[in-house]
Amino acid sequence: MAVPDLLRRSPLFAGFDDETLEQLAAPFAQVEFPANHVLIEPRTPGAGLFVICDGTVVAEAHGRQRELGPGEVVGEISLLEEDGLRRARVFAKTPVTCLALGRADFDRLLSEEPRLADAMRKLASEQLAELEGSG
C-alpha cells in the first residue's frame, strides 16, 4: 500500500485532501519491527515518530500500559515538548509495520502545514494526559 494511503488510515491524517496528503507523506519511510523490539526508550531524546500501519505496540509509562494499533501515532510527545525527551517505553507486541518520520522532517512539516501542527498538539496533549493517568 502506498504511503499516502497508509497515512489516510490514521485519524490524524484523515482530514487532509489528496494533494496535501501526498506532500505530507513524502518524507515518511516504511519500517518493520519484530515482536518484542523496543521502538522507544524513556528519557532518551526524541528522534522522530511512528504511525502504526499493522500490528500492535505497547506503551508503558508511570506503571501503566496501553496497547496501540493501526492508525495510532507514537513518539510525537517528545517532538513537541520543550525538553524533547521520551516519556514512555514503546515495544512491539506483535510484528509491526510503521511509517517513520524523523525530527527534522517533522519540524518542517509542522511549519509548512499549520493544520497538522494543531492536530499534533491536540494528539500529544491527549496522549500525555493518558500516560500520566489524568486522561
N, C-alpha and C. Protein backbone atom coordinates (compact mmCIF):
# COMPACT_ATOMS: atom_id res chain seq x y z
N MET A 1 0.85 -1.18 0.00
CA MET A 1 0.00 0.00 0.00
C MET A 1 0.90 1.24 0.00
N ALA A 2 0.51 2.26 -0.74
CA ALA A 2 1.30 3.49 -0.84
C ALA A 2 1.25 4.27 0.48
N VAL A 3 2.31 5.02 0.74
CA VAL A 3 2.42 5.78 1.99
C VAL A 3 1.22 6.71 2.21
N PRO A 4 0.77 7.49 1.22
CA PRO A 4 -0.40 8.36 1.47
C PRO A 4 -1.63 7.55 1.90
N ASP A 5 -1.82 6.37 1.32
CA ASP A 5 -2.97 5.54 1.68
C ASP A 5 -2.84 5.02 3.11
N LEU A 6 -1.60 4.68 3.50
CA LEU A 6 -1.37 4.23 4.88
C LEU A 6 -1.62 5.37 5.86
N LEU A 7 -1.16 6.58 5.52
CA LEU A 7 -1.40 7.72 6.40
C LEU A 7 -2.88 8.03 6.54
N ARG A 8 -3.61 7.89 5.45
CA ARG A 8 -5.04 8.20 5.45
C ARG A 8 -5.80 7.33 6.46
N ARG A 9 -5.25 6.15 6.79
CA ARG A 9 -5.90 5.26 7.75
C ARG A 9 -5.79 5.78 9.17
N SER A 10 -4.91 6.76 9.39
CA SER A 10 -4.74 7.36 10.72
C SER A 10 -5.69 8.54 10.87
N PRO A 11 -6.43 8.60 11.97
CA PRO A 11 -7.32 9.74 12.20
C PRO A 11 -6.58 11.08 12.14
N LEU A 12 -5.32 11.08 12.49
CA LEU A 12 -4.52 12.30 12.48
C LEU A 12 -4.41 12.89 11.07
N PHE A 13 -4.39 12.04 10.06
CA PHE A 13 -4.20 12.50 8.68
C PHE A 13 -5.45 12.39 7.82
N ALA A 14 -6.51 11.81 8.34
CA ALA A 14 -7.70 11.50 7.55
C ALA A 14 -8.38 12.74 6.94
N GLY A 15 -8.23 13.90 7.57
CA GLY A 15 -8.93 15.09 7.09
C GLY A 15 -8.24 15.86 5.98
N PHE A 16 -7.08 15.39 5.54
CA PHE A 16 -6.34 16.12 4.52
C PHE A 16 -6.73 15.66 3.12
N ASP A 17 -6.76 16.61 2.16
CA ASP A 17 -7.08 16.25 0.78
C ASP A 17 -5.90 15.49 0.16
N ASP A 18 -6.13 14.89 -0.99
CA ASP A 18 -5.13 14.03 -1.62
C ASP A 18 -3.80 14.75 -1.88
N GLU A 19 -3.87 15.97 -2.37
CA GLU A 19 -2.65 16.72 -2.70
C GLU A 19 -1.82 16.99 -1.44
N THR A 20 -2.48 17.44 -0.38
CA THR A 20 -1.78 17.72 0.88
C THR A 20 -1.22 16.44 1.47
N LEU A 21 -2.00 15.37 1.40
CA LEU A 21 -1.55 14.09 1.93
C LEU A 21 -0.31 13.59 1.19
N GLU A 22 -0.27 13.78 -0.11
CA GLU A 22 0.91 13.40 -0.89
C GLU A 22 2.14 14.16 -0.40
N GLN A 23 2.00 15.45 -0.14
CA GLN A 23 3.12 16.27 0.34
C GLN A 23 3.54 15.83 1.74
N LEU A 24 2.57 15.56 2.61
CA LEU A 24 2.88 15.13 3.97
C LEU A 24 3.56 13.77 3.98
N ALA A 25 3.17 12.90 3.06
CA ALA A 25 3.68 11.52 3.04
C ALA A 25 5.12 11.42 2.54
N ALA A 26 5.57 12.39 1.75
CA ALA A 26 6.87 12.29 1.08
C ALA A 26 8.03 11.91 2.00
N PRO A 27 8.19 12.53 3.18
CA PRO A 27 9.37 12.20 4.00
C PRO A 27 9.25 10.94 4.86
N PHE A 28 8.10 10.30 4.89
CA PHE A 28 7.92 9.10 5.71
C PHE A 28 8.62 7.91 5.07
N ALA A 29 9.14 7.02 5.91
CA ALA A 29 9.75 5.77 5.45
C ALA A 29 9.02 4.61 6.12
N GLN A 30 8.76 3.56 5.36
CA GLN A 30 8.12 2.38 5.94
C GLN A 30 9.18 1.51 6.60
N VAL A 31 8.92 1.10 7.84
CA VAL A 31 9.84 0.27 8.60
C VAL A 31 9.08 -0.88 9.25
N GLU A 32 9.79 -1.97 9.50
CA GLU A 32 9.18 -3.14 10.15
C GLU A 32 10.00 -3.53 11.37
N PHE A 33 9.31 -3.97 12.41
CA PHE A 33 9.96 -4.41 13.64
C PHE A 33 9.38 -5.76 14.05
N PRO A 34 10.23 -6.65 14.56
CA PRO A 34 9.72 -7.95 15.05
C PRO A 34 9.06 -7.77 16.42
N ALA A 35 8.28 -8.75 16.83
CA ALA A 35 7.68 -8.73 18.16
C ALA A 35 8.77 -8.56 19.21
N ASN A 36 8.46 -7.83 20.25
CA ASN A 36 9.33 -7.54 21.40
C ASN A 36 10.43 -6.51 21.11
N HIS A 37 10.51 -6.00 19.90
CA HIS A 37 11.50 -4.96 19.60
C HIS A 37 11.09 -3.66 20.29
N VAL A 38 12.04 -2.97 20.92
CA VAL A 38 11.77 -1.69 21.57
C VAL A 38 11.93 -0.57 20.55
N LEU A 39 10.85 0.18 20.33
CA LEU A 39 10.87 1.30 19.39
C LEU A 39 11.32 2.58 20.08
N ILE A 40 10.93 2.74 21.35
CA ILE A 40 11.17 3.98 22.09
C ILE A 40 11.55 3.64 23.52
N GLU A 41 12.61 4.28 24.02
CA GLU A 41 13.02 4.15 25.41
C GLU A 41 12.77 5.47 26.13
N PRO A 42 12.27 5.43 27.38
CA PRO A 42 12.03 6.67 28.11
C PRO A 42 13.34 7.41 28.42
N ARG A 43 13.21 8.71 28.58
CA ARG A 43 14.32 9.59 28.95
C ARG A 43 15.42 9.65 27.90
N THR A 44 15.11 9.28 26.67
CA THR A 44 16.05 9.44 25.56
C THR A 44 15.53 10.56 24.66
N PRO A 45 16.41 11.24 23.92
CA PRO A 45 15.94 12.32 23.05
C PRO A 45 15.01 11.79 21.96
N GLY A 46 13.95 12.53 21.71
CA GLY A 46 13.01 12.15 20.66
C GLY A 46 13.61 12.40 19.29
N ALA A 47 13.74 11.35 18.51
CA ALA A 47 14.35 11.46 17.19
C ALA A 47 13.32 11.44 16.07
N GLY A 48 12.07 11.10 16.39
CA GLY A 48 11.04 11.02 15.38
C GLY A 48 9.79 10.38 15.93
N LEU A 49 8.89 10.07 15.04
CA LEU A 49 7.63 9.43 15.44
C LEU A 49 7.32 8.28 14.51
N PHE A 50 6.35 7.45 14.94
CA PHE A 50 5.89 6.31 14.15
C PHE A 50 4.37 6.36 14.03
N VAL A 51 3.88 6.08 12.83
CA VAL A 51 2.46 5.84 12.60
C VAL A 51 2.33 4.34 12.39
N ILE A 52 1.55 3.69 13.24
CA ILE A 52 1.41 2.23 13.16
C ILE A 52 0.50 1.87 11.99
N CYS A 53 0.99 0.98 11.13
CA CYS A 53 0.20 0.53 9.97
C CYS A 53 -0.42 -0.84 10.23
N ASP A 54 0.39 -1.77 10.71
CA ASP A 54 -0.08 -3.12 11.01
C ASP A 54 0.60 -3.59 12.29
N GLY A 55 -0.15 -4.36 13.09
CA GLY A 55 0.41 -4.90 14.31
C GLY A 55 0.01 -4.08 15.53
N THR A 56 0.59 -4.43 16.66
CA THR A 56 0.26 -3.80 17.94
C THR A 56 1.53 -3.48 18.70
N VAL A 57 1.57 -2.29 19.29
CA VAL A 57 2.65 -1.91 20.19
C VAL A 57 2.06 -1.68 21.57
N VAL A 58 2.93 -1.70 22.58
CA VAL A 58 2.53 -1.41 23.94
C VAL A 58 3.35 -0.22 24.43
N ALA A 59 2.66 0.80 24.94
CA ALA A 59 3.32 1.96 25.54
C ALA A 59 3.24 1.79 27.05
N GLU A 60 4.39 1.91 27.73
CA GLU A 60 4.46 1.78 29.19
C GLU A 60 4.99 3.09 29.77
N ALA A 61 4.24 3.61 30.74
CA ALA A 61 4.69 4.82 31.45
C ALA A 61 3.95 4.90 32.77
N HIS A 62 4.66 5.35 33.78
CA HIS A 62 4.05 5.55 35.10
C HIS A 62 3.33 4.31 35.61
N GLY A 63 3.90 3.13 35.32
CA GLY A 63 3.31 1.88 35.80
C GLY A 63 2.05 1.45 35.06
N ARG A 64 1.73 2.13 33.98
CA ARG A 64 0.54 1.79 33.19
C ARG A 64 0.95 1.32 31.81
N GLN A 65 0.12 0.48 31.21
CA GLN A 65 0.36 0.01 29.85
C GLN A 65 -0.85 0.33 29.00
N ARG A 66 -0.57 0.62 27.74
CA ARG A 66 -1.65 0.88 26.78
C ARG A 66 -1.27 0.27 25.45
N GLU A 67 -2.17 -0.52 24.88
CA GLU A 67 -1.94 -1.09 23.55
C GLU A 67 -2.39 -0.10 22.48
N LEU A 68 -1.59 -0.01 21.42
CA LEU A 68 -1.90 0.87 20.30
C LEU A 68 -1.79 0.06 19.01
N GLY A 69 -2.67 0.37 18.07
CA GLY A 69 -2.69 -0.39 16.82
C GLY A 69 -2.73 0.50 15.60
N PRO A 70 -3.14 -0.08 14.47
CA PRO A 70 -3.12 0.63 13.20
C PRO A 70 -3.81 2.00 13.26
N GLY A 71 -3.12 2.98 12.68
CA GLY A 71 -3.63 4.34 12.63
C GLY A 71 -3.17 5.21 13.79
N GLU A 72 -2.66 4.59 14.85
CA GLU A 72 -2.24 5.38 16.00
C GLU A 72 -0.78 5.81 15.86
N VAL A 73 -0.43 6.87 16.58
CA VAL A 73 0.88 7.50 16.48
C VAL A 73 1.60 7.39 17.82
N VAL A 74 2.91 7.10 17.78
CA VAL A 74 3.74 7.10 18.99
C VAL A 74 5.00 7.92 18.72
N GLY A 75 5.49 8.56 19.75
CA GLY A 75 6.73 9.31 19.65
C GLY A 75 6.56 10.80 19.44
N GLU A 76 5.33 11.25 19.26
CA GLU A 76 5.11 12.67 18.94
C GLU A 76 5.29 13.58 20.14
N ILE A 77 5.05 13.08 21.34
CA ILE A 77 5.10 13.94 22.53
C ILE A 77 6.48 14.57 22.68
N SER A 78 7.52 13.77 22.58
CA SER A 78 8.88 14.30 22.78
C SER A 78 9.26 15.32 21.71
N LEU A 79 8.62 15.25 20.55
CA LEU A 79 8.93 16.21 19.48
C LEU A 79 8.28 17.56 19.73
N LEU A 80 7.26 17.57 20.58
CA LEU A 80 6.53 18.81 20.85
C LEU A 80 6.85 19.41 22.22
N GLU A 81 7.39 18.61 23.13
CA GLU A 81 7.70 19.08 24.48
C GLU A 81 9.04 19.81 24.49
N GLU A 82 9.18 20.78 25.41
CA GLU A 82 10.40 21.58 25.48
C GLU A 82 11.67 20.77 25.72
N ASP A 83 11.59 19.79 26.64
CA ASP A 83 12.81 19.04 26.97
C ASP A 83 13.18 18.03 25.89
N GLY A 84 12.22 17.68 25.02
CA GLY A 84 12.48 16.78 23.90
C GLY A 84 12.76 15.34 24.29
N LEU A 85 12.44 14.97 25.54
CA LEU A 85 12.73 13.61 25.99
C LEU A 85 11.51 12.71 25.88
N ARG A 86 11.77 11.44 25.58
CA ARG A 86 10.70 10.43 25.51
C ARG A 86 10.08 10.25 26.89
N ARG A 87 8.77 10.01 26.91
CA ARG A 87 8.03 9.84 28.16
C ARG A 87 7.73 8.38 28.48
N ALA A 88 7.75 7.54 27.45
CA ALA A 88 7.30 6.15 27.63
C ALA A 88 8.26 5.19 26.96
N ARG A 89 8.11 3.94 27.35
CA ARG A 89 8.78 2.85 26.65
C ARG A 89 7.73 2.26 25.72
N VAL A 90 8.08 2.08 24.47
CA VAL A 90 7.15 1.52 23.49
C VAL A 90 7.84 0.33 22.84
N PHE A 91 7.15 -0.82 22.88
CA PHE A 91 7.71 -2.01 22.24
C PHE A 91 6.64 -2.70 21.40
N ALA A 92 7.10 -3.48 20.43
CA ALA A 92 6.20 -4.21 19.54
C ALA A 92 5.66 -5.44 20.27
N LYS A 93 4.35 -5.52 20.40
CA LYS A 93 3.73 -6.71 21.00
C LYS A 93 3.68 -7.83 19.96
N THR A 94 3.43 -7.43 18.72
CA THR A 94 3.40 -8.34 17.58
C THR A 94 4.38 -7.78 16.54
N PRO A 95 4.65 -8.50 15.47
CA PRO A 95 5.40 -7.86 14.39
C PRO A 95 4.64 -6.60 13.95
N VAL A 96 5.38 -5.53 13.70
CA VAL A 96 4.76 -4.23 13.43
C VAL A 96 5.34 -3.62 12.15
N THR A 97 4.46 -3.05 11.37
CA THR A 97 4.86 -2.21 10.23
C THR A 97 4.45 -0.79 10.57
N CYS A 98 5.39 0.14 10.44
CA CYS A 98 5.13 1.54 10.78
C CYS A 98 5.62 2.45 9.67
N LEU A 99 5.13 3.67 9.70
CA LEU A 99 5.71 4.74 8.91
C LEU A 99 6.51 5.60 9.89
N ALA A 100 7.77 5.84 9.58
CA ALA A 100 8.64 6.60 10.46
C ALA A 100 8.92 7.98 9.86
N LEU A 101 8.98 8.97 10.76
CA LEU A 101 9.26 10.34 10.36
C LEU A 101 10.29 10.92 11.33
N GLY A 102 11.43 11.38 10.81
CA GLY A 102 12.47 11.95 11.65
C GLY A 102 12.14 13.35 12.13
N ARG A 103 12.87 13.80 13.15
CA ARG A 103 12.61 15.11 13.77
C ARG A 103 12.70 16.27 12.78
N ALA A 104 13.73 16.32 11.95
CA ALA A 104 13.89 17.44 11.02
C ALA A 104 12.72 17.52 10.05
N ASP A 105 12.30 16.37 9.51
CA ASP A 105 11.15 16.35 8.60
C ASP A 105 9.87 16.70 9.34
N PHE A 106 9.74 16.22 10.57
CA PHE A 106 8.58 16.55 11.41
C PHE A 106 8.49 18.07 11.59
N ASP A 107 9.59 18.70 11.98
CA ASP A 107 9.60 20.14 12.19
C ASP A 107 9.23 20.88 10.91
N ARG A 108 9.77 20.42 9.79
CA ARG A 108 9.48 21.06 8.50
C ARG A 108 8.00 20.93 8.15
N LEU A 109 7.43 19.72 8.33
CA LEU A 109 6.01 19.52 8.02
C LEU A 109 5.12 20.40 8.88
N LEU A 110 5.46 20.53 10.17
CA LEU A 110 4.65 21.37 11.06
C LEU A 110 4.69 22.83 10.63
N SER A 111 5.85 23.29 10.17
CA SER A 111 5.95 24.69 9.74
C SER A 111 5.21 24.92 8.42
N GLU A 112 5.15 23.90 7.58
CA GLU A 112 4.50 24.04 6.27
C GLU A 112 3.00 23.80 6.32
N GLU A 113 2.53 23.06 7.30
CA GLU A 113 1.10 22.70 7.36
C GLU A 113 0.55 22.97 8.76
N PRO A 114 0.03 24.18 8.99
CA PRO A 114 -0.47 24.55 10.31
C PRO A 114 -1.56 23.62 10.85
N ARG A 115 -2.38 23.08 9.97
CA ARG A 115 -3.44 22.16 10.44
C ARG A 115 -2.84 20.90 11.05
N LEU A 116 -1.71 20.43 10.51
CA LEU A 116 -1.04 19.27 11.08
C LEU A 116 -0.46 19.63 12.45
N ALA A 117 0.11 20.82 12.56
CA ALA A 117 0.66 21.26 13.84
C ALA A 117 -0.44 21.28 14.91
N ASP A 118 -1.60 21.81 14.58
CA ASP A 118 -2.71 21.85 15.54
C ASP A 118 -3.15 20.44 15.92
N ALA A 119 -3.27 19.57 14.93
CA ALA A 119 -3.71 18.19 15.18
C ALA A 119 -2.68 17.45 16.04
N MET A 120 -1.39 17.67 15.77
CA MET A 120 -0.33 17.03 16.54
C MET A 120 -0.35 17.49 18.00
N ARG A 121 -0.52 18.80 18.20
CA ARG A 121 -0.55 19.32 19.57
C ARG A 121 -1.72 18.72 20.35
N LYS A 122 -2.86 18.62 19.69
CA LYS A 122 -4.05 18.04 20.34
C LYS A 122 -3.80 16.57 20.68
N LEU A 123 -3.25 15.83 19.73
CA LEU A 123 -2.96 14.41 19.96
C LEU A 123 -1.95 14.25 21.10
N ALA A 124 -0.87 15.03 21.07
CA ALA A 124 0.15 14.92 22.11
C ALA A 124 -0.42 15.24 23.48
N SER A 125 -1.28 16.23 23.54
CA SER A 125 -1.90 16.61 24.81
C SER A 125 -2.76 15.46 25.35
N GLU A 126 -3.54 14.84 24.47
CA GLU A 126 -4.38 13.70 24.87
C GLU A 126 -3.53 12.52 25.31
N GLN A 127 -2.47 12.24 24.54
CA GLN A 127 -1.60 11.09 24.86
C GLN A 127 -0.89 11.33 26.20
N LEU A 128 -0.42 12.56 26.41
CA LEU A 128 0.30 12.88 27.65
C LEU A 128 -0.63 12.75 28.86
N ALA A 129 -1.86 13.23 28.72
CA ALA A 129 -2.83 13.11 29.80
C ALA A 129 -3.09 11.66 30.14
N GLU A 130 -3.21 10.82 29.11
CA GLU A 130 -3.45 9.40 29.33
C GLU A 130 -2.23 8.73 29.97
N LEU A 131 -1.04 9.06 29.48
CA LEU A 131 0.18 8.48 30.04
C LEU A 131 0.34 8.83 31.52
N GLU A 132 -0.03 10.04 31.86
CA GLU A 132 0.16 10.49 33.24
C GLU A 132 -1.01 10.17 34.14
N GLY A 133 -2.00 9.48 33.58
CA GLY A 133 -3.11 8.99 34.39
C GLY A 133 -4.23 9.97 34.63
N SER A 134 -4.24 11.08 33.89
CA SER A 134 -5.32 12.05 34.09
C SER A 134 -6.30 12.04 32.93
N GLY A 135 -6.12 11.08 32.01
CA GLY A 135 -7.00 11.04 30.84
C GLY A 135 -7.95 9.90 30.90
